[in-house]
Amino acid sequence: MNDATQDFVRPGYETQPIPGFPHAPSDWSCEQAEKVAQTEGLALTEAHWQVVRALQELCTQNAEPALNARDLHDALDEHFHADGGIKYLYELFPKGPLAQGCLLAGVEPPAGTRDQGMGSAV
């Protein structure tokens, strides 16, 4: 149930964050992400979930104005620098860490993310 419907049906009700995913969108679930991963041909590991958490947090912290693709790309590269940065992320998400990562995280991908010219293979 989305937030608007929830407010109408149960005024004053606050959704509880999903354990381990404090910045998850209210209409997101781990099960939903697993289904998306299956359709994307990804076998989820803890490393994938770390990227999902990072994307959810980055998008929550920078909701207004929303991050553009380059800023989000650079933020992920910096966040996962110790693991190998963007090269590491492409190993996890072969069709693009922004394109596939945002799908899994349930967040709106920045404009141009699913464009072949932006490094997305989707």
PDB file of N, CA and C in Angstrom:
ATOM      1  N   MET A   1       0.854  -1.166   0.000  1.00  0.00           N
ATOM      2  CA  MET A   1       0.000   0.000   0.000  1.00  0.00           C
ATOM      3  C   MET A   1       0.902   1.231   0.000  1.00  0.00           C
ATOM      4  N   ASN A   2       0.665   2.180  -0.910  1.00  0.00           N
ATOM      5  CA  ASN A   2       1.518   3.360  -0.955  1.00  0.00           C
ATOM      6  C   ASN A   2       1.172   4.327   0.175  1.00  0.00           C
ATOM      7  N   ASP A   3       2.027   5.344   0.359  1.00  0.00           N
ATOM      8  CA  ASP A   3       1.863   6.272   1.480  1.00  0.00           C
ATOM      9  C   ASP A   3       0.529   7.016   1.443  1.00  0.00           C
ATOM     10  N   ALA A   4       0.092   7.465   0.262  1.00  0.00           N
ATOM     11  CA  ALA A   4      -1.156   8.218   0.165  1.00  0.00           C
ATOM     12  C   ALA A   4      -2.343   7.359   0.585  1.00  0.00           C
ATOM     13  N   THR A   5      -2.375   6.129   0.131  1.00  0.00           N
ATOM     14  CA  THR A   5      -3.452   5.213   0.507  1.00  0.00           C
ATOM     15  C   THR A   5      -3.390   4.909   1.996  1.00  0.00           C
ATOM     16  N   GLN A   6      -2.180   4.673   2.493  1.00  0.00           N
ATOM     17  CA  GLN A   6      -1.989   4.388   3.914  1.00  0.00           C
ATOM     18  C   GLN A   6      -2.506   5.549   4.767  1.00  0.00           C
ATOM     19  N   ASP A   7      -2.215   6.793   4.365  1.00  0.00           N
ATOM     20  CA  ASP A   7      -2.683   7.962   5.107  1.00  0.00           C
ATOM     21  C   ASP A   7      -4.206   8.038   5.120  1.00  0.00           C
ATOM     22  N   PHE A   8      -4.844   7.659   4.018  1.00  0.00           N
ATOM     23  CA  PHE A   8      -6.294   7.707   3.931  1.00  0.00           C
ATOM     24  C   PHE A   8      -6.937   6.605   4.764  1.00  0.00           C
ATOM     25  N   VAL A   9      -6.399   5.389   4.642  1.00  0.00           N
ATOM     26  CA  VAL A   9      -6.975   4.235   5.332  1.00  0.00           C
ATOM     27  C   VAL A   9      -6.707   4.287   6.827  1.00  0.00           C
ATOM     28  N   ARG A  10      -5.481   4.642   7.190  1.00  0.00           N
ATOM     29  CA  ARG A  10      -5.098   4.688   8.608  1.00  0.00           C
ATOM     30  C   ARG A  10      -4.412   6.021   8.910  1.00  0.00           C
ATOM     31  N   PRO A  11      -5.190   7.083   9.151  1.00  0.00           N
ATOM     32  CA  PRO A  11      -4.591   8.391   9.422  1.00  0.00           C
ATOM     33  C   PRO A  11      -3.649   8.330  10.627  1.00  0.00           C
ATOM     34  N   GLY A  12      -2.498   8.952  10.487  1.00  0.00           N
ATOM     35  CA  GLY A  12      -1.539   8.986  11.582  1.00  0.00           C
ATOM     36  C   GLY A  12      -0.648   7.770  11.671  1.00  0.00           C
ATOM     37  N   TYR A  13      -0.917   6.753  10.853  1.00  0.00           N
ATOM     38  CA  TYR A  13      -0.106   5.539  10.876  1.00  0.00           C
ATOM     39  C   TYR A  13       1.249   5.818  10.255  1.00  0.00           C
ATOM     40  N   GLU A  14       2.305   5.391  10.925  1.00  0.00           N
ATOM     41  CA  GLU A  14       3.650   5.549  10.390  1.00  0.00           C
ATOM     42  C   GLU A  14       4.201   4.175  10.050  1.00  0.00           C
ATOM     43  N   THR A  15       4.730   4.050   8.835  1.00  0.00           N
ATOM     44  CA  THR A  15       5.305   2.773   8.439  1.00  0.00           C
ATOM     45  C   THR A  15       6.613   2.568   9.182  1.00  0.00           C
ATOM     46  N   GLN A  16       6.873   1.336   9.530  1.00  0.00           N
ATOM     47  CA  GLN A  16       8.105   0.984  10.225  1.00  0.00           C
ATOM     48  C   GLN A  16       9.165   0.618   9.195  1.00  0.00           C
ATOM     49  N   PRO A  17      10.395   1.091   9.400  1.00  0.00           N
ATOM     50  CA  PRO A  17      11.446   0.730   8.451  1.00  0.00           C
ATOM     51  C   PRO A  17      11.715  -0.772   8.475  1.00  0.00           C
ATOM     52  N   ILE A  18      12.129  -1.289   7.341  1.00  0.00           N
ATOM     53  CA  ILE A  18      12.482  -2.701   7.235  1.00  0.00           C
ATOM     54  C   ILE A  18      13.825  -2.884   7.925  1.00  0.00           C
ATOM     55  N   PRO A  19      13.954  -3.834   8.844  1.00  0.00           N
ATOM     56  CA  PRO A  19      15.233  -4.041   9.531  1.00  0.00           C
ATOM     57  C   PRO A  19      16.380  -4.201   8.532  1.00  0.00           C
ATOM     58  N   GLY A  20      17.432  -3.423   8.750  1.00  0.00           N
ATOM     59  CA  GLY A  20      18.592  -3.457   7.871  1.00  0.00           C
ATOM     60  C   GLY A  20      18.485  -2.527   6.680  1.00  0.00           C
ATOM     61  N   PHE A  21      17.299  -1.956   6.456  1.00  0.00           N
ATOM     62  CA  PHE A  21      17.069  -1.060   5.323  1.00  0.00           C
ATOM     63  C   PHE A  21      16.327   0.193   5.806  1.00  0.00           C
ATOM     64  N   PRO A  22      16.968   1.012   6.639  1.00  0.00           N
ATOM     65  CA  PRO A  22      16.283   2.153   7.241  1.00  0.00           C
ATOM     66  C   PRO A  22      15.857   3.233   6.248  1.00  0.00           C
ATOM     67  N   HIS A  23      16.444   3.269   5.064  1.00  0.00           N
ATOM     68  CA  HIS A  23      16.122   4.308   4.083  1.00  0.00           C
ATOM     69  C   HIS A  23      15.297   3.775   2.914  1.00  0.00           C
ATOM     70  N   ALA A  24      14.767   2.568   3.065  1.00  0.00           N
ATOM     71  CA  ALA A  24      13.995   1.950   1.982  1.00  0.00           C
ATOM     72  C   ALA A  24      12.709   2.727   1.724  1.00  0.00           C
ATOM     73  N   PRO A  25      12.310   2.839   0.454  1.00  0.00           N
ATOM     74  CA  PRO A  25      11.009   3.442   0.158  1.00  0.00           C
ATOM     75  C   PRO A  25       9.898   2.649   0.845  1.00  0.00           C
ATOM     76  N   SER A  26       8.824   3.322   1.194  1.00  0.00           N
ATOM     77  CA  SER A  26       7.754   2.668   1.961  1.00  0.00           C
ATOM     78  C   SER A  26       7.079   1.536   1.192  1.00  0.00           C
ATOM     79  N   ASP A  27       7.119   1.577  -0.130  1.00  0.00           N
ATOM     80  CA  ASP A  27       6.472   0.520  -0.912  1.00  0.00           C
ATOM     81  C   ASP A  27       7.463  -0.537  -1.403  1.00  0.00           C
ATOM     82  N   TRP A  28       8.658  -0.588  -0.809  1.00  0.00           N
ATOM     83  CA  TRP A  28       9.714  -1.518  -1.211  1.00  0.00           C
ATOM     84  C   TRP A  28       9.777  -2.696  -0.244  1.00  0.00           C
ATOM     85  N   SER A  29      10.181  -3.862  -0.754  1.00  0.00           N
ATOM     86  CA  SER A  29      10.408  -5.024   0.105  1.00  0.00           C
ATOM     87  C   SER A  29      11.581  -5.830  -0.442  1.00  0.00           C
ATOM     88  N   CYS A  30      12.198  -6.614   0.423  1.00  0.00           N
ATOM     89  CA  CYS A  30      13.293  -7.495   0.010  1.00  0.00           C
ATOM     90  C   CYS A  30      12.797  -8.506  -1.017  1.00  0.00           C
ATOM     91  N   GLU A  31      11.576  -8.988  -0.826  1.00  0.00           N
ATOM     92  CA  GLU A  31      11.010  -9.967  -1.751  1.00  0.00           C
ATOM     93  C   GLU A  31      10.861  -9.367  -3.145  1.00  0.00           C
ATOM     94  N   GLN A  32      10.432  -8.115  -3.188  1.00  0.00           N
ATOM     95  CA  GLN A  32      10.300  -7.416  -4.464  1.00  0.00           C
ATOM     96  C   GLN A  32      11.669  -7.301  -5.141  1.00  0.00           C
ATOM     97  N   ALA A  33      12.696  -6.953  -4.382  1.00  0.00           N
ATOM     98  CA  ALA A  33      14.052  -6.835  -4.928  1.00  0.00           C
ATOM     99  C   ALA A  33      14.550  -8.180  -5.442  1.00  0.00           C
ATOM    100  N   GLU A  34      14.231  -9.248  -4.733  1.00  0.00           N
ATOM    101  CA  GLU A  34      14.646 -10.586  -5.173  1.00  0.00           C
ATOM    102  C   GLU A  34      13.984 -10.967  -6.494  1.00  0.00           C
ATOM    103  N   LYS A  35      12.723 -10.583  -6.673  1.00  0.00           N
ATOM    104  CA  LYS A  35      12.036 -10.856  -7.939  1.00  0.00           C
ATOM    105  C   LYS A  35      12.676 -10.069  -9.079  1.00  0.00           C
ATOM    106  N   VAL A  36      12.991  -8.811  -8.819  1.00  0.00           N
ATOM    107  CA  VAL A  36      13.655  -7.981  -9.829  1.00  0.00           C
ATOM    108  C   VAL A  36      15.008  -8.583 -10.180  1.00  0.00           C
ATOM    109  N   ALA A  37      15.750  -9.010  -9.162  1.00  0.00           N
ATOM    110  CA  ALA A  37      17.068  -9.613  -9.394  1.00  0.00           C
ATOM    111  C   ALA A  37      16.947 -10.848 -10.278  1.00  0.00           C
ATOM    112  N   GLN A  38      15.939 -11.647 -10.028  1.00  0.00           N
ATOM    113  CA  GLN A  38      15.740 -12.858 -10.827  1.00  0.00           C
ATOM    114  C   GLN A  38      15.479 -12.501 -12.286  1.00  0.00           C
ATOM    115  N   THR A  39      14.640 -11.498 -12.528  1.00  0.00           N
ATOM    116  CA  THR A  39      14.363 -11.099 -13.913  1.00  0.00           C
ATOM    117  C   THR A  39      15.587 -10.462 -14.567  1.00  0.00           C
ATOM    118  N   GLU A  40      16.461  -9.861 -13.761  1.00  0.00           N
ATOM    119  CA  GLU A  40      17.688  -9.248 -14.275  1.00  0.00           C
ATOM    120  C   GLU A  40      18.827 -10.256 -14.400  1.00  0.00           C
ATOM    121  N   GLY A  41      18.597 -11.485 -13.928  1.00  0.00           N
ATOM    122  CA  GLY A  41      19.628 -12.514 -14.014  1.00  0.00           C
ATOM    123  C   GLY A  41      20.725 -12.371 -12.977  1.00  0.00           C
ATOM    124  N   LEU A  42      20.389 -11.786 -11.831  1.00  0.00           N
ATOM    125  CA  LEU A  42      21.363 -11.587 -10.755  1.00  0.00           C
ATOM    126  C   LEU A  42      21.104 -12.551  -9.605  1.00  0.00           C
ATOM    127  N   ALA A  43      22.164 -13.140  -9.091  1.00  0.00           N
ATOM    128  CA  ALA A  43      22.092 -13.949  -7.875  1.00  0.00           C
ATOM    129  C   ALA A  43      22.557 -13.046  -6.736  1.00  0.00           C
ATOM    130  N   LEU A  44      21.619 -12.605  -5.912  1.00  0.00           N
ATOM    131  CA  LEU A  44      21.937 -11.621  -4.880  1.00  0.00           C
ATOM    132  C   LEU A  44      22.852 -12.177  -3.799  1.00  0.00           C
ATOM    133  N   THR A  45      23.848 -11.369  -3.460  1.00  0.00           N
ATOM    134  CA  THR A  45      24.773 -11.666  -2.372  1.00  0.00           C
ATOM    135  C   THR A  45      24.713 -10.502  -1.390  1.00  0.00           C
ATOM    136  N   GLU A  46      25.410 -10.623  -0.282  1.00  0.00           N
ATOM    137  CA  GLU A  46      25.462  -9.523   0.683  1.00  0.00           C
ATOM    138  C   GLU A  46      26.029  -8.261   0.030  1.00  0.00           C
ATOM    139  N   ALA A  47      26.940  -8.427  -0.904  1.00  0.00           N
ATOM    140  CA  ALA A  47      27.514  -7.270  -1.608  1.00  0.00           C
ATOM    141  C   ALA A  47      26.431  -6.500  -2.370  1.00  0.00           C
ATOM    142  N   HIS A  48      25.505  -7.214  -2.993  1.00  0.00           N
ATOM    143  CA  HIS A  48      24.405  -6.558  -3.701  1.00  0.00           C
ATOM    144  C   HIS A  48      23.523  -5.781  -2.714  1.00  0.00           C
ATOM    145  N   TRP A  49      23.242  -6.400  -1.571  1.00  0.00           N
ATOM    146  CA  TRP A  49      22.399  -5.737  -0.569  1.00  0.00           C
ATOM    147  C   TRP A  49      23.081  -4.482  -0.035  1.00  0.00           C
ATOM    148  N   GLN A  50      24.411  -4.489   0.079  1.00  0.00           N
ATOM    149  CA  GLN A  50      25.131  -3.291   0.521  1.00  0.00           C
ATOM    150  C   GLN A  50      24.944  -2.150  -0.476  1.00  0.00           C
ATOM    151  N   VAL A  51      24.971  -2.471  -1.751  1.00  0.00           N
ATOM    152  CA  VAL A  51      24.753  -1.447  -2.778  1.00  0.00           C
ATOM    153  C   VAL A  51      23.314  -0.938  -2.707  1.00  0.00           C
ATOM    154  N   VAL A  52      22.363  -1.838  -2.504  1.00  0.00           N
ATOM    155  CA  VAL A  52      20.959  -1.437  -2.367  1.00  0.00           C
ATOM    156  C   VAL A  52      20.813  -0.461  -1.201  1.00  0.00           C
ATOM    157  N   ARG A  53      21.398  -0.791  -0.057  1.00  0.00           N
ATOM    158  CA  ARG A  53      21.324   0.103   1.113  1.00  0.00           C
ATOM    159  C   ARG A  53      21.947   1.462   0.802  1.00  0.00           C
ATOM    160  N   ALA A  54      23.107   1.443   0.152  1.00  0.00           N
ATOM    161  CA  ALA A  54      23.799   2.693  -0.180  1.00  0.00           C
ATOM    162  C   ALA A  54      22.953   3.547  -1.121  1.00  0.00           C
ATOM    163  N   LEU A  55      22.366   2.940  -2.135  1.00  0.00           N
ATOM    164  CA  LEU A  55      21.521   3.689  -3.069  1.00  0.00           C
ATOM    165  C   LEU A  55      20.296   4.271  -2.372  1.00  0.00           C
ATOM    166  N   GLN A  56      19.660   3.476  -1.522  1.00  0.00           N
ATOM    167  CA  GLN A  56      18.489   3.976  -0.801  1.00  0.00           C
ATOM    168  C   GLN A  56      18.866   5.159   0.084  1.00  0.00           C
ATOM    169  N   GLU A  57      20.005   5.062   0.757  1.00  0.00           N
ATOM    170  CA  GLU A  57      20.441   6.156   1.623  1.00  0.00           C
ATOM    171  C   GLU A  57      20.807   7.391   0.812  1.00  0.00           C
ATOM    172  N   LEU A  58      21.576   7.220  -0.248  1.00  0.00           N
ATOM    173  CA  LEU A  58      21.974   8.353  -1.083  1.00  0.00           C
ATOM    174  C   LEU A  58      20.758   9.059  -1.672  1.00  0.00           C
ATOM    175  N   CYS A  59      19.791   8.296  -2.136  1.00  0.00           N
ATOM    176  CA  CYS A  59      18.606   8.891  -2.744  1.00  0.00           C
ATOM    177  C   CYS A  59      17.703   9.556  -1.709  1.00  0.00           C
ATOM    178  N   THR A  60      17.678   9.035  -0.492  1.00  0.00           N
ATOM    179  CA  THR A  60      16.895   9.657   0.578  1.00  0.00           C
ATOM    180  C   THR A  60      17.536  10.971   1.014  1.00  0.00           C
ATOM    181  N   GLN A  61      18.849  10.968   1.173  1.00  0.00           N
ATOM    182  CA  GLN A  61      19.561  12.164   1.621  1.00  0.00           C
ATOM    183  C   GLN A  61      19.552  13.268   0.574  1.00  0.00           C
ATOM    184  N   ASN A  62      19.437  12.900  -0.688  1.00  0.00           N
ATOM    185  CA  ASN A  62      19.513  13.878  -1.775  1.00  0.00           C
ATOM    186  C   ASN A  62      18.232  13.901  -2.595  1.00  0.00           C
ATOM    187  N   ALA A  63      17.098  13.807  -1.918  1.00  0.00           N
ATOM    188  CA  ALA A  63      15.817  13.736  -2.621  1.00  0.00           C
ATOM    189  C   ALA A  63      15.469  15.047  -3.323  1.00  0.00           C
ATOM    190  N   GLU A  64      15.811  16.162  -2.746  1.00  0.00           N
ATOM    191  CA  GLU A  64      15.492  17.475  -3.322  1.00  0.00           C
ATOM    192  C   GLU A  64      16.720  18.348  -3.332  1.00  0.00           C
ATOM    193  N   PRO A  65      17.296  18.710  -4.421  1.00  0.00           N
ATOM    194  CA  PRO A  65      16.994  18.167  -5.743  1.00  0.00           C
ATOM    195  C   PRO A  65      17.595  16.781  -5.885  1.00  0.00           C
ATOM    196  N   ALA A  66      16.988  15.986  -6.696  1.00  0.00           N
ATOM    197  CA  ALA A  66      17.461  14.611  -6.901  1.00  0.00           C
ATOM    198  C   ALA A  66      18.856  14.615  -7.514  1.00  0.00           C
ATOM    199  N   LEU A  67      19.645  13.609  -7.152  1.00  0.00           N
ATOM    200  CA  LEU A  67      20.982  13.470  -7.721  1.00  0.00           C
ATOM    201  C   LEU A  67      20.888  13.181  -9.214  1.00  0.00           C
ATOM    202  N   ASN A  68      21.814  13.762  -9.976  1.00  0.00           N
ATOM    203  CA  ASN A  68      21.871  13.380 -11.382  1.00  0.00           C
ATOM    204  C   ASN A  68      22.721  12.121 -11.500  1.00  0.00           C
ATOM    205  N   ALA A  69      22.729  11.527 -12.675  1.00  0.00           N
ATOM    206  CA  ALA A  69      23.417  10.249 -12.874  1.00  0.00           C
ATOM    207  C   ALA A  69      24.899  10.347 -12.540  1.00  0.00           C
ATOM    208  N   ARG A  70      25.553  11.410 -12.960  1.00  0.00           N
ATOM    209  CA  ARG A  70      26.993  11.555 -12.710  1.00  0.00           C
ATOM    210  C   ARG A  70      27.272  11.656 -11.213  1.00  0.00           C
ATOM    211  N   ASP A  71      26.494  12.458 -10.496  1.00  0.00           N
ATOM    212  CA  ASP A  71      26.711  12.606  -9.053  1.00  0.00           C
ATOM    213  C   ASP A  71      26.489  11.286  -8.317  1.00  0.00           C
ATOM    214  N   LEU A  72      25.448  10.568  -8.689  1.00  0.00           N
ATOM    215  CA  LEU A  72      25.169   9.286  -8.041  1.00  0.00           C
ATOM    216  C   LEU A  72      26.257   8.267  -8.381  1.00  0.00           C
ATOM    217  N   HIS A  73      26.694   8.254  -9.623  1.00  0.00           N
ATOM    218  CA  HIS A  73      27.788   7.386 -10.072  1.00  0.00           C
ATOM    219  C   HIS A  73      29.038   7.666  -9.240  1.00  0.00           C
ATOM    220  N   ASP A  74      29.388   8.944  -9.096  1.00  0.00           N
ATOM    221  CA  ASP A  74      30.584   9.325  -8.340  1.00  0.00           C
ATOM    222  C   ASP A  74      30.446   8.994  -6.857  1.00  0.00           C
ATOM    223  N   ALA A  75      29.244   9.189  -6.305  1.00  0.00           N
ATOM    224  CA  ALA A  75      29.017   8.880  -4.890  1.00  0.00           C
ATOM    225  C   ALA A  75      29.169   7.382  -4.629  1.00  0.00           C
ATOM    226  N   LEU A  76      28.657   6.559  -5.531  1.00  0.00           N
ATOM    227  CA  LEU A  76      28.818   5.107  -5.381  1.00  0.00           C
ATOM    228  C   LEU A  76      30.277   4.705  -5.532  1.00  0.00           C
ATOM    229  N   ASP A  77      30.965   5.304  -6.499  1.00  0.00           N
ATOM    230  CA  ASP A  77      32.385   5.020  -6.714  1.00  0.00           C
ATOM    231  C   ASP A  77      33.173   5.324  -5.444  1.00  0.00           C
ATOM    232  N   GLU A  78      32.873   6.452  -4.821  1.00  0.00           N
ATOM    233  CA  GLU A  78      33.563   6.833  -3.584  1.00  0.00           C
ATOM    234  C   GLU A  78      33.185   5.905  -2.429  1.00  0.00           C
ATOM    235  N   HIS A  79      31.908   5.601  -2.308  1.00  0.00           N
ATOM    236  CA  HIS A  79      31.427   4.760  -1.205  1.00  0.00           C
ATOM    237  C   HIS A  79      32.062   3.368  -1.237  1.00  0.00           C
ATOM    238  N   PHE A  80      32.260   2.829  -2.441  1.00  0.00           N
ATOM    239  CA  PHE A  80      32.805   1.479  -2.586  1.00  0.00           C
ATOM    240  C   PHE A  80      34.254   1.488  -3.081  1.00  0.00           C
ATOM    241  N   HIS A  81      34.944   2.593  -2.851  1.00  0.00           N
ATOM    242  CA  HIS A  81      36.329   2.738  -3.303  1.00  0.00           C
ATOM    243  C   HIS A  81      37.233   1.636  -2.756  1.00  0.00           C
ATOM    244  N   ALA A  82      37.092   1.308  -1.484  1.00  0.00           N
ATOM    245  CA  ALA A  82      37.948   0.290  -0.855  1.00  0.00           C
ATOM    246  C   ALA A  82      37.749  -1.093  -1.485  1.00  0.00           C
ATOM    247  N   ASP A  83      36.577  -1.322  -2.075  1.00  0.00           N
ATOM    248  CA  ASP A  83      36.286  -2.615  -2.706  1.00  0.00           C
ATOM    249  C   ASP A  83      36.667  -2.646  -4.187  1.00  0.00           C
ATOM    250  N   GLY A  84      37.047  -1.505  -4.722  1.00  0.00           N
ATOM    251  CA  GLY A  84      37.399  -1.436  -6.143  1.00  0.00           C
ATOM    252  C   GLY A  84      36.590  -0.418  -6.918  1.00  0.00           C
ATOM    253  N   GLY A  85      35.738   0.326  -6.211  1.00  0.00           N
ATOM    254  CA  GLY A  85      34.983   1.404  -6.847  1.00  0.00           C
ATOM    255  C   GLY A  85      34.032   0.933  -7.928  1.00  0.00           C
ATOM    256  N   ILE A  86      33.979   1.720  -8.991  1.00  0.00           N
ATOM    257  CA  ILE A  86      32.988   1.477 -10.034  1.00  0.00           C
ATOM    258  C   ILE A  86      33.238   0.164 -10.763  1.00  0.00           C
ATOM    259  N   LYS A  87      34.501  -0.234 -10.881  1.00  0.00           N
ATOM    260  CA  LYS A  87      34.812  -1.520 -11.523  1.00  0.00           C
ATOM    261  C   LYS A  87      34.182  -2.665 -10.721  1.00  0.00           C
ATOM    262  N   TYR A  88      34.298  -2.607  -9.408  1.00  0.00           N
ATOM    263  CA  TYR A  88      33.686  -3.598  -8.517  1.00  0.00           C
ATOM    264  C   TYR A  88      32.165  -3.609  -8.699  1.00  0.00           C
ATOM    265  N   LEU A  89      31.569  -2.421  -8.797  1.00  0.00           N
ATOM    266  CA  LEU A  89      30.119  -2.326  -8.939  1.00  0.00           C
ATOM    267  C   LEU A  89      29.638  -2.921 -10.261  1.00  0.00           C
ATOM    268  N   TYR A  90      30.427  -2.746 -11.315  1.00  0.00           N
ATOM    269  CA  TYR A  90      30.053  -3.351 -12.600  1.00  0.00           C
ATOM    270  C   TYR A  90      30.195  -4.868 -12.571  1.00  0.00           C
ATOM    271  N   GLU A  91      31.047  -5.383 -11.716  1.00  0.00           N
ATOM    272  CA  GLU A  91      31.130  -6.837 -11.549  1.00  0.00           C
ATOM    273  C   GLU A  91      29.852  -7.368 -10.901  1.00  0.00           C
ATOM    274  N   LEU A  92      29.298  -6.590  -9.976  1.00  0.00           N
ATOM    275  CA  LEU A  92      28.050  -6.985  -9.317  1.00  0.00           C
ATOM    276  C   LEU A  92      26.838  -6.772 -10.221  1.00  0.00           C
ATOM    277  N   PHE A  93      26.858  -5.659 -10.951  1.00  0.00           N
ATOM    278  CA  PHE A  93      25.727  -5.258 -11.791  1.00  0.00           C
ATOM    279  C   PHE A  93      26.209  -5.048 -13.224  1.00  0.00           C
ATOM    280  N   PRO A  94      26.306  -6.119 -14.005  1.00  0.00           N
ATOM    281  CA  PRO A  94      26.873  -6.031 -15.354  1.00  0.00           C
ATOM    282  C   PRO A  94      26.125  -5.095 -16.307  1.00  0.00           C
ATOM    283  N   LYS A  95      24.844  -4.866 -16.066  1.00  0.00           N
ATOM    284  CA  LYS A  95      24.071  -3.959 -16.929  1.00  0.00           C
ATOM    285  C   LYS A  95      24.097  -2.526 -16.412  1.00  0.00           C
ATOM    286  N   GLY A  96      24.940  -2.264 -15.439  1.00  0.00           N
ATOM    287  CA  GLY A  96      25.098  -0.915 -14.905  1.00  0.00           C
ATOM    288  C   GLY A  96      24.659  -0.820 -13.464  1.00  0.00           C
ATOM    289  N   PRO A  97      25.548  -0.354 -12.580  1.00  0.00           N
ATOM    290  CA  PRO A  97      25.195  -0.250 -11.163  1.00  0.00           C
ATOM    291  C   PRO A  97      24.052   0.725 -10.896  1.00  0.00           C
ATOM    292  N   LEU A  98      23.926   1.773 -11.709  1.00  0.00           N
ATOM    293  CA  LEU A  98      22.806   2.690 -11.501  1.00  0.00           C
ATOM    294  C   LEU A  98      21.508   2.082 -12.023  1.00  0.00           C
ATOM    295  N   ALA A  99      21.547   1.545 -13.228  1.00  0.00           N
ATOM    296  CA  ALA A  99      20.326   0.994 -13.824  1.00  0.00           C
ATOM    297  C   ALA A  99      19.795  -0.181 -13.012  1.00  0.00           C
ATOM    298  N   GLN A 100      20.623  -1.193 -12.798  1.00  0.00           N
ATOM    299  CA  GLN A 100      20.163  -2.371 -12.060  1.00  0.00           C
ATOM    300  C   GLN A 100      20.052  -2.088 -10.567  1.00  0.00           C
ATOM    301  N   GLY A 101      20.974  -1.320 -10.025  1.00  0.00           N
ATOM    302  CA  GLY A 101      20.950  -1.022  -8.591  1.00  0.00           C
ATOM    303  C   GLY A 101      19.701  -0.264  -8.180  1.00  0.00           C
ATOM    304  N   CYS A 102      19.333   0.751  -8.964  1.00  0.00           N
ATOM    305  CA  CYS A 102      18.126   1.518  -8.645  1.00  0.00           C
ATOM    306  C   CYS A 102      16.875   0.651  -8.754  1.00  0.00           C
ATOM    307  N   LEU A 103      16.843  -0.243  -9.738  1.00  0.00           N
ATOM    308  CA  LEU A 103      15.704  -1.167  -9.851  1.00  0.00           C
ATOM    309  C   LEU A 103      15.564  -2.006  -8.584  1.00  0.00           C
ATOM    310  N   LEU A 104      16.687  -2.553  -8.118  1.00  0.00           N
ATOM    311  CA  LEU A 104      16.653  -3.391  -6.913  1.00  0.00           C
ATOM    312  C   LEU A 104      16.304  -2.582  -5.670  1.00  0.00           C
ATOM    313  N   ALA A 105      16.825  -1.354  -5.595  1.00  0.00           N
ATOM    314  CA  ALA A 105      16.624  -0.518  -4.406  1.00  0.00           C
ATOM    315  C   ALA A 105      15.242   0.110  -4.353  1.00  0.00           C
ATOM    316  N   GLY A 106      14.513   0.049  -5.453  1.00  0.00           N
ATOM    317  CA  GLY A 106      13.177   0.636  -5.475  1.00  0.00           C
ATOM    318  C   GLY A 106      13.184   2.143  -5.527  1.00  0.00           C
ATOM    319  N   VAL A 107      14.277   2.718  -6.035  1.00  0.00           N
ATOM    320  CA  VAL A 107      14.373   4.176  -6.143  1.00  0.00           C
ATOM    321  C   VAL A 107      14.353   4.574  -7.613  1.00  0.00           C
ATOM    322  N   GLU A 108      13.917   5.784  -7.866  1.00  0.00           N
ATOM    323  CA  GLU A 108      13.842   6.299  -9.228  1.00  0.00           C
ATOM    324  C   GLU A 108      15.247   6.519  -9.765  1.00  0.00           C
ATOM    325  N   PRO A 109      15.584   5.876 -10.876  1.00  0.00           N
ATOM    326  CA  PRO A 109      16.918   6.090 -11.436  1.00  0.00           C
ATOM    327  C   PRO A 109      17.026   7.502 -12.005  1.00  0.00           C
ATOM    328  N   PRO A 110      18.199   8.114 -11.894  1.00  0.00           N
ATOM    329  CA  PRO A 110      18.373   9.455 -12.459  1.00  0.00           C
ATOM    330  C   PRO A 110      18.142   9.450 -13.971  1.00  0.00           C
ATOM    331  N   ALA A 111      17.776  10.595 -14.500  1.00  0.00           N
ATOM    332  CA  ALA A 111      17.567  10.725 -15.942  1.00  0.00           C
ATOM    333  C   ALA A 111      18.822  10.294 -16.687  1.00  0.00           C
ATOM    334  N   GLY A 112      18.638   9.535 -17.745  1.00  0.00           N
ATOM    335  CA  GLY A 112      19.752   9.085 -18.560  1.00  0.00           C
ATOM    336  C   GLY A 112      20.400   7.802 -18.091  1.00  0.00           C
ATOM    337  N   THR A 113      19.982   7.284 -16.952  1.00  0.00           N
ATOM    338  CA  THR A 113      20.603   6.084 -16.393  1.00  0.00           C
ATOM    339  C   THR A 113      20.439   4.880 -17.302  1.00  0.00           C
ATOM    340  N   ARG A 114      19.307   4.764 -17.936  1.00  0.00           N
ATOM    341  CA  ARG A 114      19.051   3.597 -18.777  1.00  0.00           C
ATOM    342  C   ARG A 114      19.384   3.889 -20.240  1.00  0.00           C
ATOM    343  N   ASP A 115      20.257   4.857 -20.446  1.00  0.00           N
ATOM    344  CA  ASP A 115      20.695   5.258 -21.777  1.00  0.00           C
ATOM    345  C   ASP A 115      22.017   4.580 -22.102  1.00  0.00           C
ATOM    346  N   GLN A 116      22.126   3.990 -23.286  1.00  0.00           N
ATOM    347  CA  GLN A 116      23.358   3.320 -23.692  1.00  0.00           C
ATOM    348  C   GLN A 116      24.561   4.253 -23.568  1.00  0.00           C
ATOM    349  N   GLY A 117      24.376   5.534 -23.795  1.00  0.00           N
ATOM    350  CA  GLY A 117      25.474   6.488 -23.734  1.00  0.00           C
ATOM    351  C   GLY A 117      25.967   6.765 -22.330  1.00  0.00           C
ATOM    352  N   MET A 118      25.212   6.363 -21.315  1.00  0.00           N
ATOM    353  CA  MET A 118      25.614   6.609 -19.926  1.00  0.00           C
ATOM    354  C   MET A 118      26.259   5.378 -19.304  1.00  0.00           C
ATOM    355  N   GLY A 119      26.616   4.408 -20.107  1.00  0.00           N
ATOM    356  CA  GLY A 119      27.285   3.231 -19.575  1.00  0.00           C
ATOM    357  C   GLY A 119      26.341   2.136 -19.139  1.00  0.00           C
ATOM    358  N   SER A 120      25.086   2.261 -19.490  1.00  0.00           N
ATOM    359  CA  SER A 120      24.120   1.229 -19.146  1.00  0.00           C
ATOM    360  C   SER A 120      23.986   0.266 -20.313  1.00  0.00           C
ATOM    361  N   ALA A 121      24.000  -0.998 -20.014  1.00  0.00           N
ATOM    362  CA  ALA A 121      23.847  -2.003 -21.063  1.00  0.00           C
ATOM    363  C   ALA A 121      22.415  -2.487 -21.155  1.00  0.00           C
ATOM    364  N   VAL A 122      21.511  -1.836 -20.435  1.00  0.00           N
ATOM    365  CA  VAL A 122      20.104  -2.240 -20.410  1.00  0.00           C
ATOM    366  C   VAL A 122      19.427  -1.801 -21.682  1.00  0.00           C
TER     367      VAL A 122
END
